[in-house]
Amino acid sequence: MLYINGRPVLSDPGLIVEESEAASLVGTPGYVPPEKFTDAASDVYSLGLTLKAASFGRSIEDIDKGPAIVADTGARFFPAWWRILNKATNPTPSRRYQSAKALIKDLKALRLKMNLASTGWMKVLKIVAGVIFILVTIRTITLYIRERAYVHEARTNALKQVEEIERNMLEMQKDLMKAEGFKK
């Protein structure tokens, strides 16, 4: 593994290639699989040992001494992480991940579980509260608009009635004037 701009980058071509055709011919002592390097599963084995050593904060030779003080083996997802690494480093090649792609699939699934768990209930509750607030606000606005429409309709009807009354009064006034005009 190389670090470029602070990010770890795989430097073993056998781990970077797309399919299982490529295999390394040499390796770092202690990281070479029991069957030597024959296929992609062999490279996955070496990567698994590298990740185990990094997880424990120890060299692979000292891994059986247990984790260094900095290793957080009690972390919630450490057992799942460790199962993935144990599959990657299984001494029997057929029980290992057969390609880096297969290993990455399980690592991505674990990362997704970790991301979902890290969102926490408070964030979920905030989202639910936000949705409820939006729904209540929409309902309130809808009722307000309906009320305003009702008030507008009632006002319009009242104005029509007033106009009708005024017309009727004018008619009555005209009729009254005609009747008085006949008296004079």
C-alpha atoms as a PDB file:
ATOM      1  CA  MET A   1       0.000   0.000   0.000  1.00  0.00           C
ATOM      2  CA  LEU A   2       1.219   3.453  -0.866  1.00  0.00           C
ATOM      3  CA  TYR A   3      -0.006   6.708   0.600  1.00  0.00           C
ATOM      4  CA  ILE A   4      -0.722   9.425  -1.963  1.00  0.00           C
ATOM      5  CA  ASN A   5      -1.882  12.780  -0.576  1.00  0.00           C
ATOM      6  CA  GLY A   6      -2.654  11.053   2.718  1.00  0.00           C
ATOM      7  CA  ARG A   7      -4.886   8.386   1.139  1.00  0.00           C
ATOM      8  CA  PRO A   8      -3.959   4.680   1.031  1.00  0.00           C
ATOM      9  CA  VAL A   9      -3.710   3.321  -2.497  1.00  0.00           C
ATOM     10  CA  LEU A  10      -3.285  -0.326  -3.511  1.00  0.00           C
ATOM     11  CA  SER A  11       0.039  -0.829  -5.213  1.00  0.00           C
ATOM     12  CA  ASP A  12      -0.159  -4.554  -5.974  1.00  0.00           C
ATOM     13  CA  PRO A  13      -1.211  -5.023  -9.619  1.00  0.00           C
ATOM     14  CA  GLY A  14      -2.765  -8.363  -8.712  1.00  0.00           C
ATOM     15  CA  LEU A  15      -5.262  -6.565  -6.474  1.00  0.00           C
ATOM     16  CA  ILE A  16      -5.911  -3.748  -8.909  1.00  0.00           C
ATOM     17  CA  VAL A  17      -6.698  -5.800 -12.026  1.00  0.00           C
ATOM     18  CA  GLU A  18     -10.307  -6.508 -12.923  1.00  0.00           C
ATOM     19  CA  GLU A  19     -10.388 -10.312 -13.018  1.00  0.00           C
ATOM     20  CA  SER A  20      -8.628 -13.242 -11.387  1.00  0.00           C
ATOM     21  CA  GLU A  21      -6.172 -13.931 -14.239  1.00  0.00           C
ATOM     22  CA  ALA A  22      -3.322 -11.932 -12.739  1.00  0.00           C
ATOM     23  CA  ALA A  23      -1.329 -13.225  -9.795  1.00  0.00           C
ATOM     24  CA  SER A  24       1.761 -11.958  -8.025  1.00  0.00           C
ATOM     25  CA  LEU A  25       4.974 -13.908  -8.329  1.00  0.00           C
ATOM     26  CA  VAL A  26       6.717 -12.530  -5.244  1.00  0.00           C
ATOM     27  CA  GLY A  27       5.582 -11.278  -1.881  1.00  0.00           C
ATOM     28  CA  THR A  28       6.557  -9.920   1.487  1.00  0.00           C
ATOM     29  CA  PRO A  29       7.634 -12.637   3.925  1.00  0.00           C
ATOM     30  CA  GLY A  30       4.814 -13.419   6.345  1.00  0.00           C
ATOM     31  CA  TYR A  31       2.166 -12.185   3.905  1.00  0.00           C
ATOM     32  CA  VAL A  32       2.545 -14.943   1.313  1.00  0.00           C
ATOM     33  CA  PRO A  33      -0.378 -17.398   1.306  1.00  0.00           C
ATOM     34  CA  PRO A  34       0.278 -21.067   2.145  1.00  0.00           C
ATOM     35  CA  GLU A  35      -0.138 -22.133  -1.488  1.00  0.00           C
ATOM     36  CA  LYS A  36       2.204 -19.327  -2.637  1.00  0.00           C
ATOM     37  CA  PHE A  37       0.822 -16.929  -5.245  1.00  0.00           C
ATOM     38  CA  THR A  38      -1.331 -18.689  -7.799  1.00  0.00           C
ATOM     39  CA  ASP A  39      -4.409 -16.507  -8.380  1.00  0.00           C
ATOM     40  CA  ALA A  40      -6.414 -13.484  -7.198  1.00  0.00           C
ATOM     41  CA  ALA A  41      -7.449 -15.330  -4.015  1.00  0.00           C
ATOM     42  CA  SER A  42      -3.747 -15.411  -3.121  1.00  0.00           C
ATOM     43  CA  ASP A  43      -3.512 -11.641  -3.443  1.00  0.00           C
ATOM     44  CA  VAL A  44      -6.690 -11.237  -1.396  1.00  0.00           C
ATOM     45  CA  TYR A  45      -5.010 -13.343   1.309  1.00  0.00           C
ATOM     46  CA  SER A  46      -2.038 -10.946   1.433  1.00  0.00           C
ATOM     47  CA  LEU A  47      -4.310  -7.913   1.519  1.00  0.00           C
ATOM     48  CA  GLY A  48      -6.359  -9.516   4.314  1.00  0.00           C
ATOM     49  CA  LEU A  49      -3.211 -10.032   6.389  1.00  0.00           C
ATOM     50  CA  THR A  50      -2.191  -6.416   5.755  1.00  0.00           C
ATOM     51  CA  LEU A  51      -5.596  -5.211   6.952  1.00  0.00           C
ATOM     52  CA  LYS A  52      -5.475  -7.501  10.000  1.00  0.00           C
ATOM     53  CA  ALA A  53      -2.077  -6.112  10.970  1.00  0.00           C
ATOM     54  CA  ALA A  54      -3.337  -2.551  10.469  1.00  0.00           C
ATOM     55  CA  SER A  55      -6.496  -3.304  12.508  1.00  0.00           C
ATOM     56  CA  PHE A  56      -4.453  -4.587  15.441  1.00  0.00           C
ATOM     57  CA  GLY A  57      -1.773  -1.948  15.152  1.00  0.00           C
ATOM     58  CA  ARG A  58       0.878  -4.659  15.017  1.00  0.00           C
ATOM     59  CA  SER A  59       3.057  -6.365  12.461  1.00  0.00           C
ATOM     60  CA  ILE A  60       1.750  -9.669  11.131  1.00  0.00           C
ATOM     61  CA  GLU A  61       4.388 -11.523  13.149  1.00  0.00           C
ATOM     62  CA  ASP A  62       2.963 -10.032  16.361  1.00  0.00           C
ATOM     63  CA  ILE A  63      -0.715 -10.468  15.500  1.00  0.00           C
ATOM     64  CA  ASP A  64      -1.062 -13.487  17.804  1.00  0.00           C
ATOM     65  CA  LYS A  65      -0.057 -11.270  20.736  1.00  0.00           C
ATOM     66  CA  GLY A  66      -3.477  -9.613  20.483  1.00  0.00           C
ATOM     67  CA  PRO A  67      -4.395  -6.068  19.617  1.00  0.00           C
ATOM     68  CA  ALA A  68      -2.223  -3.112  20.434  1.00  0.00           C
ATOM     69  CA  ILE A  69      -3.698  -0.542  22.812  1.00  0.00           C
ATOM     70  CA  VAL A  70      -4.973   1.558  19.889  1.00  0.00           C
ATOM     71  CA  ALA A  71      -7.089  -1.246  18.377  1.00  0.00           C
ATOM     72  CA  ASP A  72     -10.802  -0.877  19.129  1.00  0.00           C
ATOM     73  CA  THR A  73     -11.855  -4.532  19.038  1.00  0.00           C
ATOM     74  CA  GLY A  74     -14.934  -3.702  21.113  1.00  0.00           C
ATOM     75  CA  ALA A  75     -16.334  -1.443  18.417  1.00  0.00           C
ATOM     76  CA  ARG A  76     -19.828  -2.378  17.275  1.00  0.00           C
ATOM     77  CA  PHE A  77     -18.816  -3.469  13.779  1.00  0.00           C
ATOM     78  CA  PHE A  78     -15.407  -4.941  14.589  1.00  0.00           C
ATOM     79  CA  PRO A  79     -16.737  -8.547  14.643  1.00  0.00           C
ATOM     80  CA  ALA A  80     -18.176  -8.140  11.123  1.00  0.00           C
ATOM     81  CA  TRP A  81     -14.903  -6.541   9.972  1.00  0.00           C
ATOM     82  CA  TRP A  82     -12.963  -9.398  11.534  1.00  0.00           C
ATOM     83  CA  ARG A  83     -15.191 -12.023   9.823  1.00  0.00           C
ATOM     84  CA  ILE A  84     -14.449 -10.408   6.452  1.00  0.00           C
ATOM     85  CA  LEU A  85     -10.725 -10.411   7.179  1.00  0.00           C
ATOM     86  CA  ASN A  86     -10.842 -14.034   8.377  1.00  0.00           C
ATOM     87  CA  LYS A  87     -12.548 -15.050   5.137  1.00  0.00           C
ATOM     88  CA  ALA A  88      -9.915 -13.146   3.162  1.00  0.00           C
ATOM     89  CA  THR A  89      -7.126 -14.919   5.052  1.00  0.00           C
ATOM     90  CA  ASN A  90      -8.613 -18.405   5.210  1.00  0.00           C
ATOM     91  CA  PRO A  91      -5.749 -20.923   4.752  1.00  0.00           C
ATOM     92  CA  THR A  92      -7.930 -22.914   2.332  1.00  0.00           C
ATOM     93  CA  PRO A  93      -7.962 -20.994  -0.974  1.00  0.00           C
ATOM     94  CA  SER A  94     -11.436 -22.197  -1.989  1.00  0.00           C
ATOM     95  CA  ARG A  95     -12.919 -20.695   1.213  1.00  0.00           C
ATOM     96  CA  ARG A  96     -11.390 -17.276   0.521  1.00  0.00           C
ATOM     97  CA  TYR A  97     -12.728 -14.424  -1.543  1.00  0.00           C
ATOM     98  CA  GLN A  98     -11.915 -15.413  -5.112  1.00  0.00           C
ATOM     99  CA  SER A  99     -11.303 -11.839  -6.266  1.00  0.00           C
ATOM    100  CA  ALA A 100     -10.746  -8.360  -4.909  1.00  0.00           C
ATOM    101  CA  LYS A 101     -14.158  -7.491  -6.335  1.00  0.00           C
ATOM    102  CA  ALA A 102     -15.832 -10.076  -4.069  1.00  0.00           C
ATOM    103  CA  LEU A 103     -13.975  -8.721  -1.041  1.00  0.00           C
ATOM    104  CA  ILE A 104     -14.916  -5.150  -1.933  1.00  0.00           C
ATOM    105  CA  LYS A 105     -18.579  -6.146  -2.200  1.00  0.00           C
ATOM    106  CA  ASP A 106     -18.606  -7.313   1.431  1.00  0.00           C
ATOM    107  CA  LEU A 107     -16.595  -4.274   2.561  1.00  0.00           C
ATOM    108  CA  LYS A 108     -19.091  -1.941   0.877  1.00  0.00           C
ATOM    109  CA  ALA A 109     -21.996  -3.768   2.523  1.00  0.00           C
ATOM    110  CA  LEU A 110     -20.312  -3.347   5.914  1.00  0.00           C
ATOM    111  CA  ARG A 111     -19.664   0.346   5.240  1.00  0.00           C
ATOM    112  CA  LEU A 112     -23.339   0.821   4.338  1.00  0.00           C
ATOM    113  CA  LYS A 113     -24.409  -0.801   7.634  1.00  0.00           C
ATOM    114  CA  MET A 114     -21.980   1.441   9.508  1.00  0.00           C
ATOM    115  CA  ASN A 115     -23.266   4.561   7.745  1.00  0.00           C
ATOM    116  CA  LEU A 116     -26.869   3.647   8.498  1.00  0.00           C
ATOM    117  CA  ALA A 117     -26.015   2.991  12.132  1.00  0.00           C
ATOM    118  CA  SER A 118     -24.130   6.268  12.446  1.00  0.00           C
ATOM    119  CA  THR A 119     -27.161   8.289  11.361  1.00  0.00           C
ATOM    120  CA  GLY A 120     -28.669   7.404  14.733  1.00  0.00           C
ATOM    121  CA  TRP A 121     -32.187   7.699  16.036  1.00  0.00           C
ATOM    122  CA  MET A 122     -31.938  11.409  16.713  1.00  0.00           C
ATOM    123  CA  LYS A 123     -31.438  12.128  13.029  1.00  0.00           C
ATOM    124  CA  VAL A 124     -34.327   9.836  12.142  1.00  0.00           C
ATOM    125  CA  LEU A 125     -36.523  11.560  14.729  1.00  0.00           C
ATOM    126  CA  LYS A 126     -35.517  14.979  13.380  1.00  0.00           C
ATOM    127  CA  ILE A 127     -36.448  13.884   9.885  1.00  0.00           C
ATOM    128  CA  VAL A 128     -39.790  12.483  11.057  1.00  0.00           C
ATOM    129  CA  ALA A 129     -40.478  15.664  13.062  1.00  0.00           C
ATOM    130  CA  GLY A 130     -39.601  17.747  10.027  1.00  0.00           C
ATOM    131  CA  VAL A 131     -41.962  15.761   7.822  1.00  0.00           C
ATOM    132  CA  ILE A 132     -44.752  16.049  10.410  1.00  0.00           C
ATOM    133  CA  PHE A 133     -44.149  19.804  10.676  1.00  0.00           C
ATOM    134  CA  ILE A 134     -44.342  20.152   6.896  1.00  0.00           C
ATOM    135  CA  LEU A 135     -47.566  18.106   6.742  1.00  0.00           C
ATOM    136  CA  VAL A 136     -49.181  20.120   9.558  1.00  0.00           C
ATOM    137  CA  THR A 137     -48.106  23.364   7.891  1.00  0.00           C
ATOM    138  CA  ILE A 138     -49.554  22.251   4.555  1.00  0.00           C
ATOM    139  CA  ARG A 139     -52.810  21.247   6.287  1.00  0.00           C
ATOM    140  CA  THR A 140     -52.996  24.583   8.113  1.00  0.00           C
ATOM    141  CA  ILE A 141     -52.369  26.535   4.921  1.00  0.00           C
ATOM    142  CA  THR A 142     -54.959  24.449   3.092  1.00  0.00           C
ATOM    143  CA  LEU A 143     -57.550  25.139   5.797  1.00  0.00           C
ATOM    144  CA  TYR A 144     -56.647  28.825   5.797  1.00  0.00           C
ATOM    145  CA  ILE A 145     -57.033  29.003   2.025  1.00  0.00           C
ATOM    146  CA  ARG A 146     -60.368  27.177   2.201  1.00  0.00           C
ATOM    147  CA  GLU A 147     -61.516  29.524   4.970  1.00  0.00           C
ATOM    148  CA  ARG A 148     -60.415  32.534   2.963  1.00  0.00           C
ATOM    149  CA  ALA A 149     -62.224  31.159  -0.086  1.00  0.00           C
ATOM    150  CA  TYR A 150     -65.346  30.619   2.047  1.00  0.00           C
ATOM    151  CA  VAL A 151     -65.110  34.140   3.483  1.00  0.00           C
ATOM    152  CA  HIS A 152     -64.560  35.573   0.000  1.00  0.00           C
ATOM    153  CA  GLU A 153     -67.539  33.633  -1.330  1.00  0.00           C
ATOM    154  CA  ALA A 154     -69.721  34.738   1.611  1.00  0.00           C
ATOM    155  CA  ARG A 155     -68.604  38.357   1.133  1.00  0.00           C
ATOM    156  CA  THR A 156     -69.315  38.175  -2.585  1.00  0.00           C
ATOM    157  CA  ASN A 157     -72.774  36.710  -1.908  1.00  0.00           C
ATOM    158  CA  ALA A 158     -73.466  39.379   0.733  1.00  0.00           C
ATOM    159  CA  LEU A 159     -72.463  42.134  -1.702  1.00  0.00           C
ATOM    160  CA  LYS A 160     -74.745  40.651  -4.348  1.00  0.00           C
ATOM    161  CA  GLN A 161     -77.572  40.586  -1.828  1.00  0.00           C
ATOM    162  CA  VAL A 162     -76.907  44.223  -0.862  1.00  0.00           C
ATOM    163  CA  GLU A 163     -76.915  45.190  -4.551  1.00  0.00           C
ATOM    164  CA  GLU A 164     -80.169  43.281  -5.029  1.00  0.00           C
ATOM    165  CA  ILE A 165     -81.687  45.072  -2.017  1.00  0.00           C
ATOM    166  CA  GLU A 166     -80.509  48.439  -3.401  1.00  0.00           C
ATOM    167  CA  ARG A 167     -82.090  47.629  -6.791  1.00  0.00           C
ATOM    168  CA  ASN A 168     -85.299  46.603  -5.082  1.00  0.00           C
ATOM    169  CA  MET A 169     -85.291  49.818  -3.014  1.00  0.00           C
ATOM    170  CA  LEU A 170     -84.727  51.913  -6.133  1.00  0.00           C
ATOM    171  CA  GLU A 171     -87.576  50.098  -7.830  1.00  0.00           C
ATOM    172  CA  MET A 172     -89.767  50.678  -4.791  1.00  0.00           C
ATOM    173  CA  GLN A 173     -88.734  54.339  -4.705  1.00  0.00           C
ATOM    174  CA  LYS A 174     -89.586  54.710  -8.392  1.00  0.00           C
ATOM    175  CA  ASP A 175     -92.888  52.984  -7.815  1.00  0.00           C
ATOM    176  CA  LEU A 176     -93.553  55.232  -4.840  1.00  0.00           C
ATOM    177  CA  MET A 177     -92.723  58.352  -6.848  1.00  0.00           C
ATOM    178  CA  LYS A 178     -95.003  57.244  -9.634  1.00  0.00           C
ATOM    179  CA  ALA A 179     -97.759  56.636  -7.136  1.00  0.00           C
ATOM    180  CA  GLU A 180     -97.247  60.058  -5.546  1.00  0.00           C
ATOM    181  CA  GLY A 181     -97.006  61.633  -8.961  1.00  0.00           C
ATOM    182  CA  PHE A 182    -100.431  60.336  -9.732  1.00  0.00           C
ATOM    183  CA  LYS A 183    -101.779  61.899  -6.513  1.00  0.00           C
ATOM    184  CA  LYS A 184    -100.579  65.391  -7.422  1.00  0.00           C
END
